[in-house]
Amino acid sequence: MAKILAGKVSDIPAGKMIKVEADGKDILITNVDGNYYAMDDTCAHAGASLVEGSLDGSTLTCPWHGATWDCKTGKMVAFGVQLKDLAPYKVTVESDEVFVED
């Protein structure tokens, strides 16, 4: 994946998240205290779009069954069974634009 423009800094205020598509992948971008992180948007359990979930600090909760991930790393935090971690992506901010890339 090349460097993809995800949006402007003002599009993703602290505590919020958006979803972008790049190379056929749905990618979730979060803003945790002014720092931007990106990972796969699709829950490893049942395929829910995680952008519809909730963000508490850096912990993202799936809207369907409550699985949680650390949005900084894509690592699973908790669920009834072990799920695979979600792929993280590099995020950069240039001027007032947020970019995501592999």
N, C-alpha and C. Protein backbone atom coordinates (compact mmCIF):
# COMPACT_ATOMS: atom_id res chain seq x y z
N MET A 1 0.85 -1.17 0.00
CA MET A 1 0.00 0.00 0.00
C MET A 1 0.90 1.23 0.00
N ALA A 2 0.55 2.15 -0.82
CA ALA A 2 1.26 3.43 -0.85
C ALA A 2 0.76 4.31 0.30
N LYS A 3 1.34 5.45 0.40
CA LYS A 3 0.91 6.44 1.40
C LYS A 3 -0.44 7.00 0.95
N ILE A 4 -1.45 6.88 1.82
CA ILE A 4 -2.82 7.27 1.50
C ILE A 4 -3.26 8.42 2.41
N LEU A 5 -3.85 9.45 1.82
CA LEU A 5 -4.40 10.55 2.61
C LEU A 5 -5.67 10.05 3.29
N ALA A 6 -5.67 10.08 4.63
CA ALA A 6 -6.84 9.63 5.40
C ALA A 6 -7.79 10.76 5.71
N GLY A 7 -7.26 11.97 5.81
CA GLY A 7 -8.10 13.13 6.12
C GLY A 7 -7.28 14.22 6.76
N LYS A 8 -7.95 15.23 7.17
CA LYS A 8 -7.30 16.34 7.87
C LYS A 8 -7.33 16.07 9.38
N VAL A 9 -6.41 16.69 10.08
CA VAL A 9 -6.35 16.56 11.54
C VAL A 9 -7.71 16.89 12.15
N SER A 10 -8.38 17.91 11.61
CA SER A 10 -9.69 18.32 12.15
C SER A 10 -10.78 17.27 11.91
N ASP A 11 -10.56 16.33 10.98
CA ASP A 11 -11.52 15.25 10.71
C ASP A 11 -11.49 14.17 11.79
N ILE A 12 -10.38 14.13 12.55
CA ILE A 12 -10.20 13.06 13.55
C ILE A 12 -9.79 13.70 14.87
N PRO A 13 -10.72 14.33 15.59
CA PRO A 13 -10.37 14.94 16.87
C PRO A 13 -10.03 13.88 17.93
N ALA A 14 -9.41 14.29 19.00
CA ALA A 14 -9.03 13.36 20.09
C ALA A 14 -10.23 12.55 20.54
N GLY A 15 -10.01 11.24 20.70
CA GLY A 15 -11.05 10.33 21.15
C GLY A 15 -11.97 9.83 20.06
N LYS A 16 -11.70 10.21 18.83
CA LYS A 16 -12.54 9.81 17.69
C LYS A 16 -11.79 8.86 16.77
N MET A 17 -12.55 8.27 15.83
CA MET A 17 -11.97 7.35 14.86
C MET A 17 -12.73 7.44 13.54
N ILE A 18 -12.01 7.12 12.47
CA ILE A 18 -12.61 7.08 11.13
C ILE A 18 -12.15 5.80 10.44
N LYS A 19 -12.83 5.47 9.36
CA LYS A 19 -12.43 4.33 8.54
C LYS A 19 -12.09 4.84 7.15
N VAL A 20 -10.99 4.32 6.59
CA VAL A 20 -10.62 4.61 5.21
C VAL A 20 -10.38 3.29 4.49
N GLU A 21 -10.48 3.32 3.17
CA GLU A 21 -10.18 2.14 2.38
C GLU A 21 -8.92 2.40 1.58
N ALA A 22 -8.01 1.43 1.60
CA ALA A 22 -6.76 1.53 0.86
C ALA A 22 -6.39 0.16 0.34
N ASP A 23 -6.18 0.05 -0.95
CA ASP A 23 -5.82 -1.23 -1.58
C ASP A 23 -6.80 -2.34 -1.21
N GLY A 24 -8.09 -2.03 -1.13
CA GLY A 24 -9.10 -3.04 -0.82
C GLY A 24 -9.19 -3.39 0.66
N LYS A 25 -8.44 -2.71 1.51
CA LYS A 25 -8.47 -2.97 2.95
C LYS A 25 -9.22 -1.85 3.66
N ASP A 26 -10.03 -2.23 4.65
CA ASP A 26 -10.67 -1.24 5.51
C ASP A 26 -9.74 -0.99 6.69
N ILE A 27 -9.36 0.26 6.89
CA ILE A 27 -8.39 0.61 7.92
C ILE A 27 -9.02 1.62 8.87
N LEU A 28 -8.87 1.35 10.15
CA LEU A 28 -9.39 2.21 11.21
C LEU A 28 -8.27 3.15 11.67
N ILE A 29 -8.57 4.44 11.74
CA ILE A 29 -7.60 5.41 12.24
C ILE A 29 -8.19 6.05 13.48
N THR A 30 -7.42 6.06 14.56
CA THR A 30 -7.88 6.62 15.83
C THR A 30 -6.97 7.77 16.25
N ASN A 31 -7.54 8.64 17.07
CA ASN A 31 -6.78 9.73 17.67
C ASN A 31 -6.86 9.54 19.18
N VAL A 32 -5.73 9.19 19.77
CA VAL A 32 -5.64 8.99 21.22
C VAL A 32 -4.75 10.11 21.77
N ASP A 33 -5.38 11.06 22.42
CA ASP A 33 -4.65 12.18 23.03
C ASP A 33 -3.74 12.90 22.05
N GLY A 34 -4.22 13.09 20.83
CA GLY A 34 -3.45 13.82 19.83
C GLY A 34 -2.46 12.98 19.04
N ASN A 35 -2.40 11.69 19.33
CA ASN A 35 -1.53 10.77 18.58
C ASN A 35 -2.42 9.89 17.71
N TYR A 36 -2.01 9.66 16.48
CA TYR A 36 -2.81 8.91 15.52
C TYR A 36 -2.27 7.50 15.35
N TYR A 37 -3.20 6.53 15.30
CA TYR A 37 -2.85 5.12 15.14
C TYR A 37 -3.78 4.51 14.10
N ALA A 38 -3.31 3.44 13.44
CA ALA A 38 -4.14 2.78 12.44
C ALA A 38 -3.97 1.26 12.56
N MET A 39 -5.08 0.56 12.30
CA MET A 39 -5.06 -0.91 12.29
C MET A 39 -6.23 -1.38 11.43
N ASP A 40 -6.29 -2.68 11.17
CA ASP A 40 -7.42 -3.23 10.42
C ASP A 40 -8.72 -2.84 11.10
N ASP A 41 -9.75 -2.57 10.30
CA ASP A 41 -11.05 -2.18 10.84
C ASP A 41 -11.98 -3.36 11.07
N THR A 42 -11.66 -4.54 10.57
CA THR A 42 -12.57 -5.69 10.64
C THR A 42 -12.25 -6.58 11.83
N CYS A 43 -13.25 -6.80 12.69
CA CYS A 43 -13.10 -7.66 13.86
C CYS A 43 -12.72 -9.07 13.43
N ALA A 44 -11.77 -9.65 14.12
CA ALA A 44 -11.29 -11.00 13.82
C ALA A 44 -12.27 -12.08 14.27
N HIS A 45 -13.30 -11.71 15.01
CA HIS A 45 -14.26 -12.69 15.51
C HIS A 45 -15.39 -12.94 14.52
N ALA A 46 -16.16 -11.90 14.19
CA ALA A 46 -17.32 -12.09 13.34
C ALA A 46 -17.41 -11.08 12.20
N GLY A 47 -16.36 -10.29 12.00
CA GLY A 47 -16.32 -9.39 10.85
C GLY A 47 -16.97 -8.04 11.01
N ALA A 48 -17.27 -7.62 12.23
CA ALA A 48 -17.88 -6.30 12.44
C ALA A 48 -16.90 -5.19 12.05
N SER A 49 -17.45 -4.07 11.65
CA SER A 49 -16.64 -2.88 11.38
C SER A 49 -16.36 -2.21 12.72
N LEU A 50 -15.10 -2.14 13.10
CA LEU A 50 -14.73 -1.63 14.42
C LEU A 50 -14.95 -0.13 14.58
N VAL A 51 -15.05 0.60 13.48
CA VAL A 51 -15.31 2.04 13.57
C VAL A 51 -16.68 2.29 14.22
N GLU A 52 -17.55 1.29 14.21
CA GLU A 52 -18.86 1.41 14.84
C GLU A 52 -18.82 1.09 16.34
N GLY A 53 -17.64 0.67 16.82
CA GLY A 53 -17.47 0.34 18.23
C GLY A 53 -17.19 1.57 19.07
N SER A 54 -16.62 1.35 20.24
CA SER A 54 -16.32 2.46 21.15
C SER A 54 -14.84 2.50 21.47
N LEU A 55 -14.36 3.70 21.72
CA LEU A 55 -12.95 3.92 22.03
C LEU A 55 -12.86 4.52 23.43
N ASP A 56 -12.09 3.86 24.30
CA ASP A 56 -11.86 4.34 25.66
C ASP A 56 -10.36 4.38 25.87
N GLY A 57 -9.79 5.57 25.80
CA GLY A 57 -8.33 5.67 25.82
C GLY A 57 -7.81 5.03 24.55
N SER A 58 -6.95 4.02 24.69
CA SER A 58 -6.45 3.31 23.51
C SER A 58 -7.12 1.95 23.35
N THR A 59 -8.15 1.67 24.14
CA THR A 59 -8.86 0.39 24.03
C THR A 59 -10.10 0.54 23.17
N LEU A 60 -10.14 -0.26 22.12
CA LEU A 60 -11.25 -0.25 21.17
C LEU A 60 -12.11 -1.47 21.42
N THR A 61 -13.43 -1.28 21.55
CA THR A 61 -14.36 -2.38 21.80
C THR A 61 -15.23 -2.62 20.59
N CYS A 62 -15.30 -3.87 20.15
CA CYS A 62 -16.12 -4.26 19.00
C CYS A 62 -17.60 -4.04 19.34
N PRO A 63 -18.37 -3.51 18.39
CA PRO A 63 -19.78 -3.23 18.65
C PRO A 63 -20.66 -4.47 18.72
N TRP A 64 -20.21 -5.61 18.20
CA TRP A 64 -21.06 -6.79 18.15
C TRP A 64 -20.94 -7.67 19.38
N HIS A 65 -19.74 -8.08 19.75
CA HIS A 65 -19.59 -9.06 20.83
C HIS A 65 -18.61 -8.64 21.93
N GLY A 66 -18.13 -7.40 21.87
CA GLY A 66 -17.33 -6.87 22.97
C GLY A 66 -15.87 -7.22 23.01
N ALA A 67 -15.32 -7.81 21.95
CA ALA A 67 -13.87 -8.07 21.93
C ALA A 67 -13.15 -6.72 21.99
N THR A 68 -11.99 -6.69 22.62
CA THR A 68 -11.24 -5.44 22.74
C THR A 68 -9.83 -5.57 22.19
N TRP A 69 -9.36 -4.47 21.61
CA TRP A 69 -8.01 -4.39 21.06
C TRP A 69 -7.36 -3.10 21.51
N ASP A 70 -6.03 -3.11 21.55
CA ASP A 70 -5.25 -1.90 21.78
C ASP A 70 -5.05 -1.26 20.42
N CYS A 71 -5.66 -0.10 20.20
CA CYS A 71 -5.59 0.52 18.88
C CYS A 71 -4.19 1.04 18.56
N LYS A 72 -3.31 1.13 19.54
CA LYS A 72 -1.94 1.57 19.28
C LYS A 72 -1.12 0.48 18.59
N THR A 73 -1.46 -0.78 18.87
CA THR A 73 -0.65 -1.90 18.38
C THR A 73 -1.42 -2.91 17.54
N GLY A 74 -2.75 -2.92 17.65
CA GLY A 74 -3.57 -3.94 16.98
C GLY A 74 -3.66 -5.24 17.78
N LYS A 75 -3.03 -5.29 18.94
CA LYS A 75 -3.04 -6.50 19.77
C LYS A 75 -4.38 -6.67 20.48
N MET A 76 -4.88 -7.92 20.51
CA MET A 76 -6.12 -8.20 21.22
C MET A 76 -5.89 -8.03 22.72
N VAL A 77 -6.84 -7.39 23.40
CA VAL A 77 -6.75 -7.19 24.84
C VAL A 77 -7.55 -8.26 25.57
N ALA A 78 -8.82 -8.42 25.21
CA ALA A 78 -9.66 -9.39 25.93
C ALA A 78 -10.84 -9.84 25.09
N PHE A 79 -11.20 -11.11 25.28
CA PHE A 79 -12.40 -11.71 24.70
C PHE A 79 -12.50 -13.10 25.29
N GLY A 80 -13.62 -13.76 25.12
CA GLY A 80 -13.82 -15.10 25.69
C GLY A 80 -12.89 -16.15 25.12
N VAL A 81 -12.45 -15.96 23.88
CA VAL A 81 -11.49 -16.86 23.24
C VAL A 81 -10.38 -16.00 22.63
N GLN A 82 -9.25 -16.61 22.38
CA GLN A 82 -8.14 -15.88 21.78
C GLN A 82 -8.44 -15.61 20.30
N LEU A 83 -8.35 -14.36 19.91
CA LEU A 83 -8.52 -13.96 18.51
C LEU A 83 -7.18 -13.48 17.98
N LYS A 84 -7.06 -13.47 16.65
CA LYS A 84 -5.79 -12.98 16.09
C LYS A 84 -5.70 -11.47 16.27
N ASP A 85 -4.47 -11.00 16.39
CA ASP A 85 -4.23 -9.57 16.46
C ASP A 85 -4.56 -8.96 15.10
N LEU A 86 -4.83 -7.67 15.08
CA LEU A 86 -5.13 -6.97 13.85
C LEU A 86 -3.89 -6.22 13.37
N ALA A 87 -3.70 -6.17 12.07
CA ALA A 87 -2.50 -5.55 11.50
C ALA A 87 -2.47 -4.05 11.79
N PRO A 88 -1.35 -3.58 12.34
CA PRO A 88 -1.19 -2.13 12.53
C PRO A 88 -0.61 -1.49 11.26
N TYR A 89 -0.80 -0.20 11.11
CA TYR A 89 -0.27 0.55 9.98
C TYR A 89 0.40 1.81 10.50
N LYS A 90 1.36 2.29 9.74
CA LYS A 90 2.08 3.51 10.09
C LYS A 90 1.21 4.72 9.77
N VAL A 91 1.16 5.68 10.67
CA VAL A 91 0.42 6.92 10.46
C VAL A 91 1.41 8.08 10.58
N THR A 92 1.32 9.02 9.65
CA THR A 92 2.13 10.22 9.72
C THR A 92 1.23 11.44 9.56
N VAL A 93 1.65 12.53 10.17
CA VAL A 93 0.93 13.79 10.04
C VAL A 93 1.88 14.79 9.40
N GLU A 94 1.42 15.37 8.29
CA GLU A 94 2.19 16.39 7.59
C GLU A 94 1.32 17.62 7.47
N SER A 95 1.78 18.70 8.09
CA SER A 95 1.01 19.93 8.15
C SER A 95 -0.31 19.62 8.85
N ASP A 96 -1.43 19.70 8.17
CA ASP A 96 -2.73 19.38 8.81
C ASP A 96 -3.37 18.14 8.19
N GLU A 97 -2.56 17.28 7.53
CA GLU A 97 -3.09 16.08 6.88
C GLU A 97 -2.56 14.81 7.53
N VAL A 98 -3.45 13.82 7.64
CA VAL A 98 -3.12 12.53 8.25
C VAL A 98 -3.00 11.50 7.14
N PHE A 99 -1.88 10.78 7.12
CA PHE A 99 -1.61 9.75 6.10
C PHE A 99 -1.44 8.40 6.77
N VAL A 100 -1.81 7.34 6.06
CA VAL A 100 -1.60 5.98 6.54
C VAL A 100 -0.85 5.20 5.47
N GLU A 101 0.03 4.28 5.91
CA GLU A 101 0.79 3.44 4.99
C GLU A 101 1.24 2.18 5.72
N ASP A 102 1.68 1.19 4.92
CA ASP A 102 2.22 -0.05 5.53
C ASP A 102 3.49 0.23 6.25
